[in-house]
Amino acid sequence: SVLDLAVFNRRLYASTGRGDGPGQIWRSLDGGTWAPMVITGFSDPDTVDITAFAEYGGMLYAGATNLTRGAQIWRSSTGDNNTWSQVAPAEPGAAAGRVTGFAVYDGALYAAVDSDAPAQIWRSFGGVWTVVMSDGFGDGLTTATGGMAEFAGHLYVGAGSEVDGAQLWRTHDGAAWERVVNAGFGDPNNEKVEMVFVFRNDLYVSLANVRTGIELWRSDSGTLWEQANRD
């Protein structure tokens, strides 16, 4: 499947994964004709998913999932084939398994990372990447992360817990985090916040729910929420 789309240098990029082979990146000038830029999982067949894109500092960043080495972040100044280099993590074999989203906030690029271990948040100012949150927001059962977005002076990130279900967290400095909604948005069947995005001055989140269906919630403050769709 196509896992993410991004515009970089007036070209449209699409990343793929969740198949039986290495992840790929394709590029188009018009949305109709596509050419492959990465076709072998950054030359590693164990890199099976390329999950998320971000533009930062004149570079196109891509989050990737490697079956043996965990979550990875790659970048390129052009997006062309054979121009990609891995920038995170510094040491292979990290416990974290998948980059679920990127966001630029307060001059830095943030990445949300989930795994079988507690969820993590990584940060870079264009050079070295550091882990700014590694304990599942204080709960080892919070292992899943979702999208990220800046809204009204805060950075918001979606998450999911084996016990509490869907969660939404925010920070003003990347170090101190607060949860802004009750567990599961009041529904224990809401498993995880998948997407976080801003539209027409409102913050929206989408919730994974396999029992009663997808839910979409919105807020104009980041703290008071209403459901915007039917289950």
Protein backbone atom coordinates (compact mmCIF):
# COMPACT_ATOMS: atom_id res chain seq x y z
CA SER A 1 0.00 0.00 0.00
CA VAL A 2 0.94 3.66 -0.26
CA LEU A 3 1.85 4.72 3.28
CA ASP A 4 2.52 8.44 2.82
CA LEU A 5 2.60 11.27 0.28
CA ALA A 6 4.65 14.48 0.30
CA VAL A 7 5.50 17.40 -1.95
CA PHE A 8 9.21 18.28 -2.13
CA ASN A 9 10.86 20.60 -4.66
CA ARG A 10 7.60 20.75 -6.64
CA ARG A 11 7.46 16.98 -7.04
CA LEU A 12 5.04 14.51 -5.48
CA TYR A 13 6.53 11.58 -3.57
CA ALA A 14 4.81 8.35 -2.52
CA SER A 15 6.19 5.71 -0.16
CA THR A 16 5.15 2.08 -0.01
CA GLY A 17 5.16 -0.88 2.36
CA ARG A 18 3.17 -3.64 4.06
CA GLY A 19 3.95 -6.03 1.23
CA ASP A 20 6.24 -9.02 0.80
CA GLY A 21 9.29 -7.06 -0.32
CA PRO A 22 11.39 -3.98 0.44
CA GLY A 23 9.79 -0.55 0.71
CA GLN A 24 9.89 1.86 -2.19
CA ILE A 25 9.73 5.60 -2.95
CA TRP A 26 8.19 6.85 -6.20
CA ARG A 27 8.16 10.38 -7.64
CA SER A 28 5.93 12.27 -10.06
CA LEU A 29 5.89 15.69 -11.72
CA ASP A 30 2.21 15.55 -12.67
CA GLY A 31 0.59 12.91 -10.45
CA GLY A 32 0.08 10.63 -13.44
CA THR A 33 3.53 9.44 -14.51
CA TRP A 34 5.73 7.94 -11.80
CA ALA A 35 9.40 6.95 -11.57
CA PRO A 36 11.07 4.91 -8.80
CA MET A 37 13.63 6.70 -6.62
CA VAL A 38 14.09 3.92 -4.02
CA ILE A 39 13.13 0.38 -4.99
CA THR A 40 15.17 -1.90 -2.70
CA GLY A 41 14.47 -0.57 0.77
CA PHE A 42 17.55 1.67 0.77
CA SER A 43 19.57 -1.35 -0.46
CA ASP A 44 18.33 -3.54 2.39
CA PRO A 45 15.55 -6.08 1.75
CA ASP A 46 14.74 -6.06 5.48
CA THR A 47 13.54 -2.44 5.15
CA VAL A 48 9.96 -3.42 4.39
CA ASP A 49 8.02 -0.20 5.06
CA ILE A 50 8.76 3.45 4.30
CA THR A 51 6.15 4.94 6.56
CA ALA A 52 6.34 8.75 6.70
CA PHE A 53 7.79 11.84 5.01
CA ALA A 54 8.80 15.29 6.23
CA GLU A 55 10.51 18.32 4.71
CA TYR A 56 12.96 20.08 6.99
CA GLY A 57 16.04 22.22 6.43
CA GLY A 58 15.94 21.79 2.67
CA MET A 59 15.91 18.01 3.00
CA LEU A 60 13.29 15.33 2.44
CA TYR A 61 13.17 12.92 5.38
CA ALA A 62 11.70 9.41 5.33
CA GLY A 63 10.90 7.12 8.23
CA ALA A 64 11.48 3.43 7.61
CA THR A 65 10.91 0.08 9.30
CA ASN A 66 13.68 -2.50 9.22
CA LEU A 67 12.82 -6.02 10.39
CA THR A 68 16.20 -6.60 12.05
CA ARG A 69 17.40 -3.10 12.95
CA GLY A 70 14.22 -1.33 14.02
CA ALA A 71 13.08 2.17 13.11
CA GLN A 72 15.26 4.26 10.85
CA ILE A 73 15.28 7.80 9.45
CA TRP A 74 16.77 8.60 6.05
CA ARG A 75 17.14 11.88 4.18
CA SER A 76 18.07 13.35 0.81
CA SER A 77 18.69 16.87 -0.47
CA THR A 78 17.19 16.06 -3.89
CA GLY A 79 15.04 12.94 -3.45
CA ASP A 80 16.92 11.34 -6.35
CA ASN A 81 17.96 7.72 -6.46
CA ASN A 82 21.30 6.96 -4.71
CA THR A 83 21.23 10.23 -2.74
CA TRP A 84 19.68 8.90 0.48
CA SER A 85 21.65 8.52 3.72
CA GLN A 86 20.60 7.14 7.09
CA VAL A 87 20.68 9.73 9.87
CA ALA A 88 19.03 7.88 12.77
CA PRO A 89 19.47 5.99 14.97
CA ALA A 90 23.18 6.37 15.59
CA GLU A 91 23.43 2.72 16.66
CA PRO A 92 21.50 -0.08 14.90
CA GLY A 93 19.21 -2.45 16.72
CA ALA A 94 17.17 0.07 18.71
CA ALA A 95 14.09 -1.33 20.44
CA ALA A 96 11.82 1.10 18.61
CA GLY A 97 10.26 -0.38 15.51
CA ARG A 98 8.37 2.13 13.36
CA VAL A 99 8.27 5.86 12.63
CA THR A 100 4.59 6.80 12.53
CA GLY A 101 4.82 10.55 11.94
CA PHE A 102 6.97 13.67 11.71
CA ALA A 103 6.36 17.30 12.68
CA VAL A 104 8.42 20.48 12.66
CA TYR A 105 8.07 22.36 15.95
CA ASP A 106 10.05 25.20 17.53
CA GLY A 107 12.85 24.88 15.00
CA ALA A 108 13.32 21.12 15.34
CA LEU A 109 12.12 18.02 13.51
CA TYR A 110 10.31 15.50 15.72
CA ALA A 111 9.54 11.85 14.99
CA ALA A 112 6.99 9.63 16.74
CA VAL A 113 8.15 6.03 17.09
CA ASP A 114 6.30 2.92 18.26
CA SER A 115 7.31 -0.67 19.00
CA ASP A 116 6.75 -3.55 21.39
CA ALA A 117 8.66 -1.44 23.92
CA PRO A 118 7.36 1.88 25.33
CA ALA A 119 6.67 4.59 22.74
CA GLN A 120 9.40 7.09 21.95
CA ILE A 121 9.80 10.62 20.57
CA TRP A 122 12.99 11.52 18.68
CA ARG A 123 14.23 15.05 17.87
CA SER A 124 16.84 16.67 15.66
CA PHE A 125 17.87 20.23 14.84
CA GLY A 126 19.35 19.04 11.55
CA GLY A 127 22.25 17.03 12.96
CA VAL A 128 22.33 14.39 15.67
CA TRP A 129 19.04 12.79 16.70
CA THR A 130 18.24 12.45 20.39
CA VAL A 131 15.49 10.59 22.24
CA VAL A 132 13.46 13.16 24.19
CA MET A 133 10.80 10.71 25.43
CA SER A 134 11.42 6.98 25.80
CA ASP A 135 9.05 5.66 28.48
CA GLY A 136 5.65 5.65 26.80
CA PHE A 137 4.75 9.01 28.38
CA GLY A 138 5.33 7.43 31.79
CA ASP A 139 3.42 4.22 31.03
CA GLY A 140 5.24 1.18 29.70
CA LEU A 141 1.99 -0.13 28.20
CA THR A 142 1.76 2.89 25.87
CA THR A 143 3.67 1.36 22.97
CA ALA A 144 1.88 2.79 19.93
CA THR A 145 2.23 6.24 18.39
CA GLY A 146 0.35 8.01 15.63
CA GLY A 147 0.65 11.30 13.76
CA MET A 148 2.02 14.62 14.98
CA ALA A 149 1.10 18.26 14.37
CA GLU A 150 1.79 21.74 15.73
CA PHE A 151 -1.31 23.60 16.90
CA ALA A 152 -1.77 26.79 18.94
CA GLY A 153 1.76 26.80 20.32
CA HIS A 154 1.95 23.11 21.23
CA LEU A 155 3.17 19.94 19.55
CA TYR A 156 0.53 17.20 19.63
CA VAL A 157 1.17 13.48 19.15
CA GLY A 158 -1.24 10.56 18.97
CA ALA A 159 -0.67 7.36 20.93
CA GLY A 160 -2.24 4.11 22.02
CA SER A 161 -2.08 2.01 25.18
CA GLU A 162 -2.88 -1.66 25.73
CA VAL A 163 -5.00 -0.61 28.73
CA ASP A 164 -6.14 3.00 28.20
CA GLY A 165 -6.59 2.88 24.43
CA ALA A 166 -6.37 6.02 22.30
CA GLN A 167 -4.42 8.93 23.76
CA LEU A 168 -3.42 12.44 22.72
CA TRP A 169 -0.41 14.17 24.26
CA ARG A 170 1.10 17.61 23.84
CA THR A 171 4.23 19.52 24.80
CA HIS A 172 5.44 23.11 24.70
CA ASP A 173 9.14 22.32 25.00
CA GLY A 174 9.66 18.71 23.85
CA ALA A 175 10.51 17.61 27.39
CA ALA A 176 7.36 17.90 29.51
CA TRP A 177 4.27 16.11 28.14
CA GLU A 178 0.63 16.28 29.22
CA ARG A 179 -2.34 14.17 28.19
CA VAL A 180 -5.19 16.30 26.89
CA VAL A 181 -8.09 13.81 26.64
CA ASN A 182 -9.53 11.05 28.76
CA ALA A 183 -8.62 7.46 27.93
CA GLY A 184 -9.97 6.41 24.55
CA PHE A 185 -11.87 9.68 24.14
CA GLY A 186 -14.42 8.09 26.47
CA ASP A 187 -14.75 4.86 24.46
CA PRO A 188 -12.64 1.81 25.44
CA ASN A 189 -12.96 0.51 21.86
CA ASN A 190 -10.89 3.43 20.55
CA GLU A 191 -7.49 1.78 20.37
CA LYS A 192 -5.16 4.46 19.05
CA VAL A 193 -4.94 7.98 17.63
CA GLU A 194 -3.76 7.36 14.07
CA MET A 195 -3.62 10.82 12.47
CA VAL A 196 -3.22 14.34 13.85
CA PHE A 197 -3.73 17.26 11.47
CA VAL A 198 -4.83 20.90 11.26
CA PHE A 199 -7.64 22.09 8.98
CA ARG A 200 -9.32 25.51 8.97
CA ASN A 201 -7.99 26.51 12.39
CA ASP A 202 -9.15 23.29 14.07
CA LEU A 203 -7.10 20.34 15.25
CA TYR A 204 -8.39 16.97 14.04
CA VAL A 205 -7.53 13.43 15.13
CA SER A 206 -8.61 10.09 13.71
CA LEU A 207 -9.15 7.09 15.99
CA ALA A 208 -8.71 3.40 15.16
CA ASN A 209 -11.77 1.42 16.30
CA VAL A 210 -12.45 -2.05 14.90
CA ARG A 211 -15.74 -2.54 16.78
CA THR A 212 -17.87 0.52 16.02
CA GLY A 213 -15.75 2.08 13.28
CA ILE A 214 -13.37 4.95 12.69
CA GLU A 215 -13.96 8.13 14.69
CA LEU A 216 -12.90 11.66 13.76
CA TRP A 217 -12.67 14.31 16.50
CA ARG A 218 -11.86 18.02 16.35
CA SER A 219 -11.05 20.91 18.67
CA ASP A 220 -10.52 24.64 18.30
CA SER A 221 -8.56 24.79 21.56
CA GLY A 222 -6.72 21.48 21.80
CA THR A 223 -8.46 20.64 25.08
CA LEU A 224 -12.22 20.62 24.38
CA TRP A 225 -13.20 18.01 21.79
CA GLU A 226 -16.25 17.02 19.75
CA GLN A 227 -16.81 14.08 17.43
CA ALA A 228 -17.02 15.27 13.81
CA ASN A 229 -18.30 12.12 12.10
CA ARG A 230 -20.64 9.18 12.59
CA ASP A 231 -18.95 6.00 13.83
